[in-house]
Structure formats: structure tokens, C-alpha cells
């Protein structure tokens, strides 16, 4: 999913934005996410990684969009398919 830029930062400033988004994702108490790769291609910021729920993915995107409105953003964040164990693990 790509959000069109409307007056987003110039390409040179995207290095700053990359670092700021990494910090935001790691330090925000509601997110605390270090497993998302943050890169830019031309004037688009790309977030790539895997999270445990659709709600987590939405929260990450909402937080980044609120901090950097108008930034072209591509979200390649997938939701991992996790299932509870069907039986207890038995150790030798």
C-alpha cells in the first residue's frame, strides 16, 4: 500500500526520516517494535517486516502517518500466522 506524497520531505531529508521512524517504532511505548526494516526508495518510505496481528500493523502505520503527514509510505508489513499449540510440549 502506498500513500501519495503531498508536500512530503525532499529526498535528501528521507535519511533523517528513516532514522526518526526507526527511533519512533522502537521507543514508542505502544509499539516498541525493532523488527521493522525502514528504507526509502526515491521519495517513498518503505516499511518491511512481520508483526503478530493486523491491529499491530495498523498501529504502526497510524503512528508513522501521524508523525509524518503527507509522506509517501509503502507498507510491506505482513501478519505472521501464529496458532496456539494443540498439545503441550514434552521434553525428554
C-alpha atoms as a PDB file:
ATOM      1  CA  UNK A   1       0.000   0.000   0.000  1.00  0.00           C
ATOM      2  CA  UNK A   2       1.450   3.366  -0.994  1.00  0.00           C
ATOM      3  CA  UNK A   3       0.219   6.706   0.258  1.00  0.00           C
ATOM      4  CA  UNK A   4       0.777   9.576  -2.219  1.00  0.00           C
ATOM      5  CA  UNK A   5       3.070  12.393  -1.127  1.00  0.00           C
ATOM      6  CA  UNK A   6       1.615  15.831  -0.742  1.00  0.00           C
ATOM      7  CA  UNK A   7       4.457  18.124   0.140  1.00  0.00           C
ATOM      8  CA  UNK A   8       6.491  15.384   1.843  1.00  0.00           C
ATOM      9  CA  UNK A   9      10.153  15.860   2.659  1.00  0.00           C
ATOM     10  CA  UNK A  10      12.725  16.267  -0.108  1.00  0.00           C
ATOM     11  CA  UNK A  11      14.611  13.078  -0.999  1.00  0.00           C
ATOM     12  CA  UNK A  12      17.726  14.148   0.936  1.00  0.00           C
ATOM     13  CA  UNK A  13      15.655  14.539   4.098  1.00  0.00           C
ATOM     14  CA  UNK A  14      14.436  10.942   3.865  1.00  0.00           C
ATOM     15  CA  UNK A  15      17.675   9.753   5.503  1.00  0.00           C
ATOM     16  CA  UNK A  16      16.608  11.771   8.542  1.00  0.00           C
ATOM     17  CA  UNK A  17      13.040  10.463   8.290  1.00  0.00           C
ATOM     18  CA  UNK A  18      14.295   6.849   8.116  1.00  0.00           C
ATOM     19  CA  UNK A  19      16.267   7.271  11.323  1.00  0.00           C
ATOM     20  CA  UNK A  20      13.413   9.092  13.031  1.00  0.00           C
ATOM     21  CA  UNK A  21      10.893   6.366  12.097  1.00  0.00           C
ATOM     22  CA  UNK A  22      13.216   3.612  13.382  1.00  0.00           C
ATOM     23  CA  UNK A  23      13.541   5.500  16.651  1.00  0.00           C
ATOM     24  CA  UNK A  24       9.800   6.161  16.827  1.00  0.00           C
ATOM     25  CA  UNK A  25       8.946   2.480  16.315  1.00  0.00           C
ATOM     26  CA  UNK A  26      11.489   1.352  18.907  1.00  0.00           C
ATOM     27  CA  UNK A  27      10.774   3.966  21.591  1.00  0.00           C
ATOM     28  CA  UNK A  28       7.018   4.492  21.356  1.00  0.00           C
ATOM     29  CA  UNK A  29       5.556   2.768  24.446  1.00  0.00           C
ATOM     30  CA  UNK A  30       2.579   1.493  22.452  1.00  0.00           C
ATOM     31  CA  UNK A  31       4.755  -0.063  19.755  1.00  0.00           C
ATOM     32  CA  UNK A  32       8.290  -0.936  20.927  1.00  0.00           C
ATOM     33  CA  UNK A  33       8.985  -2.588  17.560  1.00  0.00           C
ATOM     34  CA  UNK A  34      12.555  -3.196  16.359  1.00  0.00           C
ATOM     35  CA  UNK A  35      11.795  -5.825  13.749  1.00  0.00           C
ATOM     36  CA  UNK A  36      10.523  -3.469  11.051  1.00  0.00           C
ATOM     37  CA  UNK A  37      13.011  -2.536   8.329  1.00  0.00           C
ATOM     38  CA  UNK A  38      12.797   1.125   7.315  1.00  0.00           C
ATOM     39  CA  UNK A  39      14.235   2.228   3.939  1.00  0.00           C
ATOM     40  CA  UNK A  40      13.457   4.770   1.278  1.00  0.00           C
ATOM     41  CA  UNK A  41      13.256   4.427  -2.476  1.00  0.00           C
ATOM     42  CA  UNK A  42      13.293   7.750  -4.239  1.00  0.00           C
ATOM     43  CA  UNK A  43      10.594   9.748  -2.407  1.00  0.00           C
ATOM     44  CA  UNK A  44       8.772   6.790  -0.821  1.00  0.00           C
ATOM     45  CA  UNK A  45       9.455   5.450   2.672  1.00  0.00           C
ATOM     46  CA  UNK A  46       9.177   1.650   2.762  1.00  0.00           C
ATOM     47  CA  UNK A  47       8.358  -0.278   5.935  1.00  0.00           C
ATOM     48  CA  UNK A  48       9.009  -4.021   5.697  1.00  0.00           C
ATOM     49  CA  UNK A  49       8.695  -6.779   8.242  1.00  0.00           C
ATOM     50  CA  UNK A  50       6.336  -9.051  10.094  1.00  0.00           C
ATOM     51  CA  UNK A  51       4.078  -8.417  13.088  1.00  0.00           C
ATOM     52  CA  UNK A  52       1.812 -10.635  15.168  1.00  0.00           C
ATOM     53  CA  UNK A  53      -1.550  -9.032  14.423  1.00  0.00           C
ATOM     54  CA  UNK A  54      -3.441  -6.792  11.993  1.00  0.00           C
ATOM     55  CA  UNK A  55      -4.036  -4.361  14.869  1.00  0.00           C
ATOM     56  CA  UNK A  56      -0.295  -4.044  15.448  1.00  0.00           C
ATOM     57  CA  UNK A  57       0.237  -3.322  11.751  1.00  0.00           C
ATOM     58  CA  UNK A  58      -2.481  -0.636  11.815  1.00  0.00           C
ATOM     59  CA  UNK A  59      -0.973   0.960  14.926  1.00  0.00           C
ATOM     60  CA  UNK A  60       2.482   1.149  13.320  1.00  0.00           C
ATOM     61  CA  UNK A  61       1.092   2.776  10.167  1.00  0.00           C
ATOM     62  CA  UNK A  62      -1.113   5.175  12.135  1.00  0.00           C
ATOM     63  CA  UNK A  63       1.814   6.267  14.296  1.00  0.00           C
ATOM     64  CA  UNK A  64       4.124   6.882  11.326  1.00  0.00           C
ATOM     65  CA  UNK A  65       1.423   8.741   9.365  1.00  0.00           C
ATOM     66  CA  UNK A  66       0.588  10.932  12.366  1.00  0.00           C
ATOM     67  CA  UNK A  67       4.249  11.837  12.884  1.00  0.00           C
ATOM     68  CA  UNK A  68       4.954  12.424   9.157  1.00  0.00           C
ATOM     69  CA  UNK A  69       1.719  13.505   7.459  1.00  0.00           C
ATOM     70  CA  UNK A  70       1.955  13.771   3.690  1.00  0.00           C
ATOM     71  CA  UNK A  71       4.863  11.334   3.482  1.00  0.00           C
ATOM     72  CA  UNK A  72       4.634   8.767   0.689  1.00  0.00           C
ATOM     73  CA  UNK A  73       4.573   5.463   2.551  1.00  0.00           C
ATOM     74  CA  UNK A  74       4.667   1.875   1.328  1.00  0.00           C
ATOM     75  CA  UNK A  75       3.781  -0.803   3.862  1.00  0.00           C
ATOM     76  CA  UNK A  76       5.206  -4.257   3.190  1.00  0.00           C
ATOM     77  CA  UNK A  77       4.321  -5.447   6.688  1.00  0.00           C
ATOM     78  CA  UNK A  78       2.832  -8.913   6.854  1.00  0.00           C
ATOM     79  CA  UNK A  79       0.978 -10.524   9.722  1.00  0.00           C
ATOM     80  CA  UNK A  80       2.532 -13.768  10.934  1.00  0.00           C
ATOM     81  CA  UNK A  81       0.286 -16.791  11.085  1.00  0.00           C
ATOM     82  CA  UNK A  82       0.546 -17.855  14.689  1.00  0.00           C
ATOM     83  CA  UNK A  83      -1.537 -20.591  16.236  1.00  0.00           C
ATOM     84  CA  UNK A  84      -1.647 -21.744  19.836  1.00  0.00           C
ATOM     85  CA  UNK A  85      -0.094 -25.154  20.405  1.00  0.00           C
ATOM     86  CA  UNK A  86      -2.540 -28.056  20.098  1.00  0.00           C
ATOM     87  CA  UNK A  87      -0.662 -30.155  22.672  1.00  0.00           C
ATOM     88  CA  UNK A  88       1.808 -29.500  25.492  1.00  0.00           C
ATOM     89  CA  UNK A  89       5.456 -29.788  24.557  1.00  0.00           C
ATOM     90  CA  UNK A  90       7.069 -32.814  26.122  1.00  0.00           C
ATOM     91  CA  UNK A  91      10.756 -32.564  26.909  1.00  0.00           C
ATOM     92  CA  UNK A  92      12.981 -35.643  27.366  1.00  0.00           C
END
